[in-house]
Amino acid sequence: MKTIRWNPKTGEVANFDKLLSLLEDRESTLKKIAYYIRCSNDYQVVVDYYRQKIIDHKGCVGAMVAFDNLQHLPNLMTGYKERFILSTF
């Protein structure tokens, strides 16, 4: 199990285990997932996860949900996260 990593100089927090468990949890909301994105690596993990779901489901319902999540995720990145993600990608 990975531990939470915190950089006191930048305030970046990374906890991939928590993020991945939220992605796998069917009850988890996209807003909750967006809350746990703390750096560009976290954002990339989420994007790669949804891209893989689209490939796995080959156009079925799961792919449509994953595509919708990819479309709406940036809208949930507010404040410093939004500026950070937009400047990073």
PDB file of N, CA and C in Angstrom:
ATOM      1  N   MET A   1       0.825  -1.181   0.000  1.00  0.00           N
ATOM      2  CA  MET A   1       0.000   0.000   0.000  1.00  0.00           C
ATOM      3  C   MET A   1       0.876   1.255   0.000  1.00  0.00           C
ATOM      4  N   LYS A   2       0.556   2.183  -0.885  1.00  0.00           N
ATOM      5  CA  LYS A   2       1.338   3.406  -0.951  1.00  0.00           C
ATOM      6  C   LYS A   2       0.890   4.365   0.145  1.00  0.00           C
ATOM      7  N   THR A   3       1.840   5.135   0.614  1.00  0.00           N
ATOM      8  CA  THR A   3       1.501   6.118   1.630  1.00  0.00           C
ATOM      9  C   THR A   3       1.250   7.473   0.965  1.00  0.00           C
ATOM     10  N   ILE A   4       0.592   8.337   1.693  1.00  0.00           N
ATOM     11  CA  ILE A   4       0.358   9.687   1.191  1.00  0.00           C
ATOM     12  C   ILE A   4       1.698  10.407   1.138  1.00  0.00           C
ATOM     13  N   ARG A   5       1.958  11.035   0.005  1.00  0.00           N
ATOM     14  CA  ARG A   5       3.177  11.823  -0.146  1.00  0.00           C
ATOM     15  C   ARG A   5       2.779  13.300  -0.172  1.00  0.00           C
ATOM     16  N   TRP A   6       3.454  14.104   0.645  1.00  0.00           N
ATOM     17  CA  TRP A   6       3.149  15.523   0.724  1.00  0.00           C
ATOM     18  C   TRP A   6       4.426  16.320   0.576  1.00  0.00           C
ATOM     19  N   ASN A   7       4.401  17.287  -0.306  1.00  0.00           N
ATOM     20  CA  ASN A   7       5.530  18.185  -0.496  1.00  0.00           C
ATOM     21  C   ASN A   7       5.174  19.511   0.169  1.00  0.00           C
ATOM     22  N   PRO A   8       5.788  19.822   1.323  1.00  0.00           N
ATOM     23  CA  PRO A   8       5.401  21.042   2.041  1.00  0.00           C
ATOM     24  C   PRO A   8       5.726  22.331   1.291  1.00  0.00           C
ATOM     25  N   LYS A   9       6.683  22.282   0.374  1.00  0.00           N
ATOM     26  CA  LYS A   9       7.047  23.491  -0.376  1.00  0.00           C
ATOM     27  C   LYS A   9       5.977  23.855  -1.405  1.00  0.00           C
ATOM     28  N   THR A  10       5.410  22.848  -2.057  1.00  0.00           N
ATOM     29  CA  THR A  10       4.417  23.111  -3.100  1.00  0.00           C
ATOM     30  C   THR A  10       2.997  22.821  -2.641  1.00  0.00           C
ATOM     31  N   GLY A  11       2.854  22.066  -1.555  1.00  0.00           N
ATOM     32  CA  GLY A  11       1.528  21.686  -1.083  1.00  0.00           C
ATOM     33  C   GLY A  11       0.940  20.511  -1.841  1.00  0.00           C
ATOM     34  N   GLU A  12       1.728  19.892  -2.733  1.00  0.00           N
ATOM     35  CA  GLU A  12       1.237  18.752  -3.509  1.00  0.00           C
ATOM     36  C   GLU A  12       1.075  17.523  -2.629  1.00  0.00           C
ATOM     37  N   VAL A  13      -0.049  16.865  -2.791  1.00  0.00           N
ATOM     38  CA  VAL A  13      -0.323  15.628  -2.067  1.00  0.00           C
ATOM     39  C   VAL A  13      -0.631  14.555  -3.099  1.00  0.00           C
ATOM     40  N   ALA A  14      -0.047  13.394  -2.949  1.00  0.00           N
ATOM     41  CA  ALA A  14      -0.317  12.294  -3.878  1.00  0.00           C
ATOM     42  C   ALA A  14      -0.666  11.045  -3.081  1.00  0.00           C
ATOM     43  N   ASN A  15      -1.754  10.430  -3.464  1.00  0.00           N
ATOM     44  CA  ASN A  15      -2.146   9.170  -2.844  1.00  0.00           C
ATOM     45  C   ASN A  15      -2.869   8.361  -3.914  1.00  0.00           C
ATOM     46  N   PHE A  16      -2.096   7.653  -4.717  1.00  0.00           N
ATOM     47  CA  PHE A  16      -2.670   6.927  -5.844  1.00  0.00           C
ATOM     48  C   PHE A  16      -3.604   5.813  -5.403  1.00  0.00           C
ATOM     49  N   ASP A  17      -3.319   5.184  -4.259  1.00  0.00           N
ATOM     50  CA  ASP A  17      -4.187   4.098  -3.801  1.00  0.00           C
ATOM     51  C   ASP A  17      -5.602   4.598  -3.540  1.00  0.00           C
ATOM     52  N   LYS A  18      -5.717   5.745  -2.886  1.00  0.00           N
ATOM     53  CA  LYS A  18      -7.039   6.300  -2.605  1.00  0.00           C
ATOM     54  C   LYS A  18      -7.735   6.666  -3.914  1.00  0.00           C
ATOM     55  N   LEU A  19      -7.009   7.271  -4.834  1.00  0.00           N
ATOM     56  CA  LEU A  19      -7.585   7.674  -6.116  1.00  0.00           C
ATOM     57  C   LEU A  19      -8.042   6.453  -6.908  1.00  0.00           C
ATOM     58  N   LEU A  20      -7.212   5.430  -6.968  1.00  0.00           N
ATOM     59  CA  LEU A  20      -7.579   4.224  -7.715  1.00  0.00           C
ATOM     60  C   LEU A  20      -8.756   3.500  -7.075  1.00  0.00           C
ATOM     61  N   SER A  21      -8.804   3.480  -5.748  1.00  0.00           N
ATOM     62  CA  SER A  21      -9.939   2.824  -5.095  1.00  0.00           C
ATOM     63  C   SER A  21     -11.227   3.590  -5.368  1.00  0.00           C
ATOM     64  N   LEU A  22     -11.147   4.914  -5.444  1.00  0.00           N
ATOM     65  CA  LEU A  22     -12.328   5.710  -5.793  1.00  0.00           C
ATOM     66  C   LEU A  22     -12.769   5.436  -7.228  1.00  0.00           C
ATOM     67  N   LEU A  23     -11.814   5.287  -8.129  1.00  0.00           N
ATOM     68  CA  LEU A  23     -12.146   5.003  -9.527  1.00  0.00           C
ATOM     69  C   LEU A  23     -12.848   3.658  -9.669  1.00  0.00           C
ATOM     70  N   GLU A  24     -12.423   2.688  -8.873  1.00  0.00           N
ATOM     71  CA  GLU A  24     -13.012   1.346  -8.943  1.00  0.00           C
ATOM     72  C   GLU A  24     -14.352   1.237  -8.209  1.00  0.00           C
ATOM     73  N   ASP A  25     -14.612   2.174  -7.304  1.00  0.00           N
ATOM     74  CA  ASP A  25     -15.835   2.147  -6.503  1.00  0.00           C
ATOM     75  C   ASP A  25     -17.016   2.648  -7.342  1.00  0.00           C
ATOM     76  N   ARG A  26     -17.994   1.792  -7.549  1.00  0.00           N
ATOM     77  CA  ARG A  26     -19.162   2.159  -8.370  1.00  0.00           C
ATOM     78  C   ARG A  26     -20.014   3.255  -7.722  1.00  0.00           C
ATOM     79  N   GLU A  27     -19.916   3.405  -6.420  1.00  0.00           N
ATOM     80  CA  GLU A  27     -20.703   4.416  -5.708  1.00  0.00           C
ATOM     81  C   GLU A  27     -20.020   5.784  -5.700  1.00  0.00           C
ATOM     82  N   SER A  28     -18.769   5.818  -6.127  1.00  0.00           N
ATOM     83  CA  SER A  28     -18.007   7.055  -6.091  1.00  0.00           C
ATOM     84  C   SER A  28     -18.485   8.022  -7.177  1.00  0.00           C
ATOM     85  N   THR A  29     -18.537   9.292  -6.840  1.00  0.00           N
ATOM     86  CA  THR A  29     -18.955  10.293  -7.816  1.00  0.00           C
ATOM     87  C   THR A  29     -17.736  10.907  -8.492  1.00  0.00           C
ATOM     88  N   LEU A  30     -17.957  11.478  -9.654  1.00  0.00           N
ATOM     89  CA  LEU A  30     -16.877  12.143 -10.378  1.00  0.00           C
ATOM     90  C   LEU A  30     -16.355  13.336  -9.580  1.00  0.00           C
ATOM     91  N   LYS A  31     -17.251  13.992  -8.847  1.00  0.00           N
ATOM     92  CA  LYS A  31     -16.846  15.135  -8.029  1.00  0.00           C
ATOM     93  C   LYS A  31     -15.882  14.692  -6.930  1.00  0.00           C
ATOM     94  N   LYS A  32     -16.147  13.531  -6.334  1.00  0.00           N
ATOM     95  CA  LYS A  32     -15.267  13.007  -5.285  1.00  0.00           C
ATOM     96  C   LYS A  32     -13.902  12.646  -5.871  1.00  0.00           C
ATOM     97  N   ILE A  33     -13.899  12.083  -7.072  1.00  0.00           N
ATOM     98  CA  ILE A  33     -12.643  11.744  -7.746  1.00  0.00           C
ATOM     99  C   ILE A  33     -11.850  13.016  -8.030  1.00  0.00           C
ATOM    100  N   ALA A  34     -12.529  14.043  -8.536  1.00  0.00           N
ATOM    101  CA  ALA A  34     -11.858  15.318  -8.830  1.00  0.00           C
ATOM    102  C   ALA A  34     -11.241  15.917  -7.571  1.00  0.00           C
ATOM    103  N   TYR A  35     -11.908  15.731  -6.425  1.00  0.00           N
ATOM    104  CA  TYR A  35     -11.395  16.261  -5.170  1.00  0.00           C
ATOM    105  C   TYR A  35     -10.031  15.662  -4.820  1.00  0.00           C
ATOM    106  N   TYR A  36      -9.829  14.389  -5.131  1.00  0.00           N
ATOM    107  CA  TYR A  36      -8.589  13.709  -4.768  1.00  0.00           C
ATOM    108  C   TYR A  36      -7.460  13.893  -5.782  1.00  0.00           C
ATOM    109  N   ILE A  37      -7.710  14.604  -6.860  1.00  0.00           N
ATOM    110  CA  ILE A  37      -6.642  14.886  -7.820  1.00  0.00           C
ATOM    111  C   ILE A  37      -5.830  16.052  -7.269  1.00  0.00           C
ATOM    112  N   ARG A  38      -4.557  15.791  -6.997  1.00  0.00           N
ATOM    113  CA  ARG A  38      -3.710  16.798  -6.358  1.00  0.00           C
ATOM    114  C   ARG A  38      -2.532  17.253  -7.215  1.00  0.00           C
ATOM    115  N   CYS A  39      -2.271  16.535  -8.297  1.00  0.00           N
ATOM    116  CA  CYS A  39      -1.133  16.908  -9.148  1.00  0.00           C
ATOM    117  C   CYS A  39      -1.385  16.374 -10.556  1.00  0.00           C
ATOM    118  N   SER A  40      -0.515  16.733 -11.468  1.00  0.00           N
ATOM    119  CA  SER A  40      -0.695  16.314 -12.862  1.00  0.00           C
ATOM    120  C   SER A  40      -0.616  14.800 -13.011  1.00  0.00           C
ATOM    121  N   ASN A  41       0.188  14.135 -12.181  1.00  0.00           N
ATOM    122  CA  ASN A  41       0.278  12.675 -12.249  1.00  0.00           C
ATOM    123  C   ASN A  41      -1.049  12.028 -11.874  1.00  0.00           C
ATOM    124  N   ASP A  42      -1.713  12.573 -10.855  1.00  0.00           N
ATOM    125  CA  ASP A  42      -3.032  12.068 -10.470  1.00  0.00           C
ATOM    126  C   ASP A  42      -4.024  12.247 -11.613  1.00  0.00           C
ATOM    127  N   TYR A  43      -3.994  13.418 -12.212  1.00  0.00           N
ATOM    128  CA  TYR A  43      -4.902  13.706 -13.327  1.00  0.00           C
ATOM    129  C   TYR A  43      -4.661  12.726 -14.474  1.00  0.00           C
ATOM    130  N   GLN A  44      -3.385  12.459 -14.762  1.00  0.00           N
ATOM    131  CA  GLN A  44      -3.050  11.535 -15.848  1.00  0.00           C
ATOM    132  C   GLN A  44      -3.507  10.120 -15.532  1.00  0.00           C
ATOM    133  N   VAL A  45      -3.415   9.704 -14.276  1.00  0.00           N
ATOM    134  CA  VAL A  45      -3.895   8.382 -13.866  1.00  0.00           C
ATOM    135  C   VAL A  45      -5.386   8.261 -14.153  1.00  0.00           C
ATOM    136  N   VAL A  46      -6.162   9.297 -13.808  1.00  0.00           N
ATOM    137  CA  VAL A  46      -7.605   9.270 -14.027  1.00  0.00           C
ATOM    138  C   VAL A  46      -7.928   9.242 -15.516  1.00  0.00           C
ATOM    139  N   VAL A  47      -7.260  10.072 -16.297  1.00  0.00           N
ATOM    140  CA  VAL A  47      -7.487  10.095 -17.747  1.00  0.00           C
ATOM    141  C   VAL A  47      -7.157   8.744 -18.364  1.00  0.00           C
ATOM    142  N   ASP A  48      -6.020   8.166 -17.990  1.00  0.00           N
ATOM    143  CA  ASP A  48      -5.639   6.852 -18.523  1.00  0.00           C
ATOM    144  C   ASP A  48      -6.646   5.776 -18.119  1.00  0.00           C
ATOM    145  N   TYR A  49      -7.150   5.854 -16.898  1.00  0.00           N
ATOM    146  CA  TYR A  49      -8.144   4.886 -16.425  1.00  0.00           C
ATOM    147  C   TYR A  49      -9.391   4.937 -17.302  1.00  0.00           C
ATOM    148  N   TYR A  50      -9.915   6.130 -17.534  1.00  0.00           N
ATOM    149  CA  TYR A  50     -11.131   6.253 -18.342  1.00  0.00           C
ATOM    150  C   TYR A  50     -10.885   5.908 -19.810  1.00  0.00           C
ATOM    151  N   ARG A  51      -9.730   6.234 -20.314  1.00  0.00           N
ATOM    152  CA  ARG A  51      -9.394   5.831 -21.691  1.00  0.00           C
ATOM    153  C   ARG A  51      -9.383   4.316 -21.824  1.00  0.00           C
ATOM    154  N   GLN A  52      -8.810   3.634 -20.829  1.00  0.00           N
ATOM    155  CA  GLN A  52      -8.767   2.176 -20.864  1.00  0.00           C
ATOM    156  C   GLN A  52     -10.168   1.584 -20.774  1.00  0.00           C
ATOM    157  N   LYS A  53     -11.041   2.195 -19.970  1.00  0.00           N
ATOM    158  CA  LYS A  53     -12.429   1.731 -19.883  1.00  0.00           C
ATOM    159  C   LYS A  53     -13.130   1.844 -21.240  1.00  0.00           C
ATOM    160  N   ILE A  54     -12.863   2.929 -21.962  1.00  0.00           N
ATOM    161  CA  ILE A  54     -13.449   3.107 -23.293  1.00  0.00           C
ATOM    162  C   ILE A  54     -12.981   1.990 -24.224  1.00  0.00           C
ATOM    163  N   ILE A  55     -11.705   1.668 -24.169  1.00  0.00           N
ATOM    164  CA  ILE A  55     -11.151   0.591 -25.010  1.00  0.00           C
ATOM    165  C   ILE A  55     -11.736  -0.757 -24.606  1.00  0.00           C
ATOM    166  N   ASP A  56     -11.811  -1.016 -23.294  1.00  0.00           N
ATOM    167  CA  ASP A  56     -12.305  -2.300 -22.795  1.00  0.00           C
ATOM    168  C   ASP A  56     -13.754  -2.565 -23.172  1.00  0.00           C
ATOM    169  N   HIS A  57     -14.586  -1.536 -23.131  1.00  0.00           N
ATOM    170  CA  HIS A  57     -16.021  -1.724 -23.363  1.00  0.00           C
ATOM    171  C   HIS A  57     -16.412  -1.629 -24.829  1.00  0.00           C
ATOM    172  N   LYS A  58     -15.514  -1.205 -25.679  1.00  0.00           N
ATOM    173  CA  LYS A  58     -15.736  -1.176 -27.140  1.00  0.00           C
ATOM    174  C   LYS A  58     -17.082  -0.559 -27.524  1.00  0.00           C
ATOM    175  N   GLY A  59     -17.384   0.587 -26.961  1.00  0.00           N
ATOM    176  CA  GLY A  59     -18.584   1.307 -27.362  1.00  0.00           C
ATOM    177  C   GLY A  59     -19.838   0.965 -26.594  1.00  0.00           C
ATOM    178  N   CYS A  60     -19.749   0.105 -25.589  1.00  0.00           N
ATOM    179  CA  CYS A  60     -20.935  -0.252 -24.800  1.00  0.00           C
ATOM    180  C   CYS A  60     -21.185   0.802 -23.728  1.00  0.00           C
ATOM    181  N   VAL A  61     -22.087   0.512 -22.832  1.00  0.00           N
ATOM    182  CA  VAL A  61     -22.494   1.483 -21.813  1.00  0.00           C
ATOM    183  C   VAL A  61     -21.308   1.980 -20.991  1.00  0.00           C
ATOM    184  N   GLY A  62     -20.413   1.082 -20.572  1.00  0.00           N
ATOM    185  CA  GLY A  62     -19.253   1.491 -19.779  1.00  0.00           C
ATOM    186  C   GLY A  62     -18.394   2.506 -20.498  1.00  0.00           C
ATOM    187  N   ALA A  63     -18.244   2.339 -21.800  1.00  0.00           N
ATOM    188  CA  ALA A  63     -17.448   3.279 -22.583  1.00  0.00           C
ATOM    189  C   ALA A  63     -18.126   4.637 -22.651  1.00  0.00           C
ATOM    190  N   MET A  64     -19.463   4.630 -22.773  1.00  0.00           N
ATOM    191  CA  MET A  64     -20.180   5.900 -22.835  1.00  0.00           C
ATOM    192  C   MET A  64     -20.059   6.652 -21.509  1.00  0.00           C
ATOM    193  N   VAL A  65     -20.121   5.934 -20.389  1.00  0.00           N
ATOM    194  CA  VAL A  65     -19.964   6.565 -19.083  1.00  0.00           C
ATOM    195  C   VAL A  65     -18.548   7.109 -18.930  1.00  0.00           C
ATOM    196  N   ALA A  66     -17.550   6.314 -19.320  1.00  0.00           N
ATOM    197  CA  ALA A  66     -16.153   6.740 -19.212  1.00  0.00           C
ATOM    198  C   ALA A  66     -15.898   7.966 -20.079  1.00  0.00           C
ATOM    199  N   PHE A  67     -16.466   7.987 -21.281  1.00  0.00           N
ATOM    200  CA  PHE A  67     -16.284   9.132 -22.171  1.00  0.00           C
ATOM    201  C   PHE A  67     -16.920  10.378 -21.561  1.00  0.00           C
ATOM    202  N   ASP A  68     -18.107  10.220 -20.996  1.00  0.00           N
ATOM    203  CA  ASP A  68     -18.798  11.343 -20.345  1.00  0.00           C
ATOM    204  C   ASP A  68     -17.975  11.859 -19.166  1.00  0.00           C
ATOM    205  N   ASN A  69     -17.398  10.947 -18.394  1.00  0.00           N
ATOM    206  CA  ASN A  69     -16.558  11.354 -17.269  1.00  0.00           C
ATOM    207  C   ASN A  69     -15.330  12.118 -17.744  1.00  0.00           C
ATOM    208  N   LEU A  70     -14.719  11.667 -18.830  1.00  0.00           N
ATOM    209  CA  LEU A  70     -13.565  12.382 -19.379  1.00  0.00           C
ATOM    210  C   LEU A  70     -13.954  13.791 -19.813  1.00  0.00           C
ATOM    211  N   GLN A  71     -15.143  13.928 -20.378  1.00  0.00           N
ATOM    212  CA  GLN A  71     -15.617  15.231 -20.840  1.00  0.00           C
ATOM    213  C   GLN A  71     -15.863  16.187 -19.667  1.00  0.00           C
ATOM    214  N   HIS A  72     -16.425  15.669 -18.561  1.00  0.00           N
ATOM    215  CA  HIS A  72     -16.852  16.530 -17.465  1.00  0.00           C
ATOM    216  C   HIS A  72     -15.809  16.738 -16.376  1.00  0.00           C
ATOM    217  N   LEU A  73     -14.785  15.889 -16.329  1.00  0.00           N
ATOM    218  CA  LEU A  73     -13.781  16.005 -15.271  1.00  0.00           C
ATOM    219  C   LEU A  73     -13.139  17.399 -15.209  1.00  0.00           C
ATOM    220  N   PRO A  74     -12.702  17.983 -16.329  1.00  0.00           N
ATOM    221  CA  PRO A  74     -12.083  19.320 -16.237  1.00  0.00           C
ATOM    222  C   PRO A  74     -13.033  20.385 -15.680  1.00  0.00           C
ATOM    223  N   ASN A  75     -14.344  20.226 -15.888  1.00  0.00           N
ATOM    224  CA  ASN A  75     -15.297  21.197 -15.353  1.00  0.00           C
ATOM    225  C   ASN A  75     -15.359  21.168 -13.831  1.00  0.00           C
ATOM    226  N   LEU A  76     -14.968  20.040 -13.240  1.00  0.00           N
ATOM    227  CA  LEU A  76     -14.995  19.905 -11.786  1.00  0.00           C
ATOM    228  C   LEU A  76     -13.696  20.372 -11.132  1.00  0.00           C
ATOM    229  N   MET A  77     -12.696  20.643 -11.955  1.00  0.00           N
ATOM    230  CA  MET A  77     -11.411  21.088 -11.434  1.00  0.00           C
ATOM    231  C   MET A  77     -11.475  22.593 -11.250  1.00  0.00           C
ATOM    232  N   THR A  78     -11.819  23.029 -10.048  1.00  0.00           N
ATOM    233  CA  THR A  78     -12.031  24.451  -9.801  1.00  0.00           C
ATOM    234  C   THR A  78     -10.852  25.062  -9.055  1.00  0.00           C
ATOM    235  N   GLY A  79     -10.775  26.360  -9.111  1.00  0.00           N
ATOM    236  CA  GLY A  79      -9.752  27.082  -8.362  1.00  0.00           C
ATOM    237  C   GLY A  79      -8.343  26.758  -8.812  1.00  0.00           C
ATOM    238  N   TYR A  80      -7.475  26.532  -7.826  1.00  0.00           N
ATOM    239  CA  TYR A  80      -6.066  26.292  -8.141  1.00  0.00           C
ATOM    240  C   TYR A  80      -5.875  25.031  -8.965  1.00  0.00           C
ATOM    241  N   LYS A  81      -6.730  24.032  -8.751  1.00  0.00           N
ATOM    242  CA  LYS A  81      -6.588  22.787  -9.513  1.00  0.00           C
ATOM    243  C   LYS A  81      -6.825  23.040 -10.985  1.00  0.00           C
ATOM    244  N   GLU A  82      -7.860  23.802 -11.292  1.00  0.00           N
ATOM    245  CA  GLU A  82      -8.179  24.092 -12.687  1.00  0.00           C
ATOM    246  C   GLU A  82      -7.014  24.814 -13.353  1.00  0.00           C
ATOM    247  N   ARG A  83      -6.484  25.829 -12.704  1.00  0.00           N
ATOM    248  CA  ARG A  83      -5.358  26.574 -13.273  1.00  0.00           C
ATOM    249  C   ARG A  83      -4.141  25.661 -13.428  1.00  0.00           C
ATOM    250  N   PHE A  84      -3.914  24.817 -12.414  1.00  0.00           N
ATOM    251  CA  PHE A  84      -2.770  23.910 -12.460  1.00  0.00           C
ATOM    252  C   PHE A  84      -2.887  22.916 -13.620  1.00  0.00           C
ATOM    253  N   ILE A  85      -4.065  22.284 -13.736  1.00  0.00           N
ATOM    254  CA  ILE A  85      -4.256  21.296 -14.780  1.00  0.00           C
ATOM    255  C   ILE A  85      -4.201  21.946 -16.154  1.00  0.00           C
ATOM    256  N   LEU A  86      -4.849  23.075 -16.326  1.00  0.00           N
ATOM    257  CA  LEU A  86      -4.849  23.747 -17.634  1.00  0.00           C
ATOM    258  C   LEU A  86      -3.454  24.206 -18.028  1.00  0.00           C
ATOM    259  N   SER A  87      -2.661  24.639 -17.064  1.00  0.00           N
ATOM    260  CA  SER A  87      -1.298  25.070 -17.388  1.00  0.00           C
ATOM    261  C   SER A  87      -0.382  23.878 -17.641  1.00  0.00           C
ATOM    262  N   THR A  88      -0.718  22.727 -17.064  1.00  0.00           N
ATOM    263  CA  THR A  88       0.123  21.542 -17.218  1.00  0.00           C
ATOM    264  C   THR A  88      -0.120  20.852 -18.547  1.00  0.00           C
ATOM    265  N   PHE A  89      -1.387  20.818 -18.987  1.00  0.00           N
ATOM    266  CA  PHE A  89      -1.700  20.099 -20.218  1.00  0.00           C
ATOM    267  C   PHE A  89      -2.025  21.083 -21.304  1.00  0.00           C
TER     268      PHE A  89
END
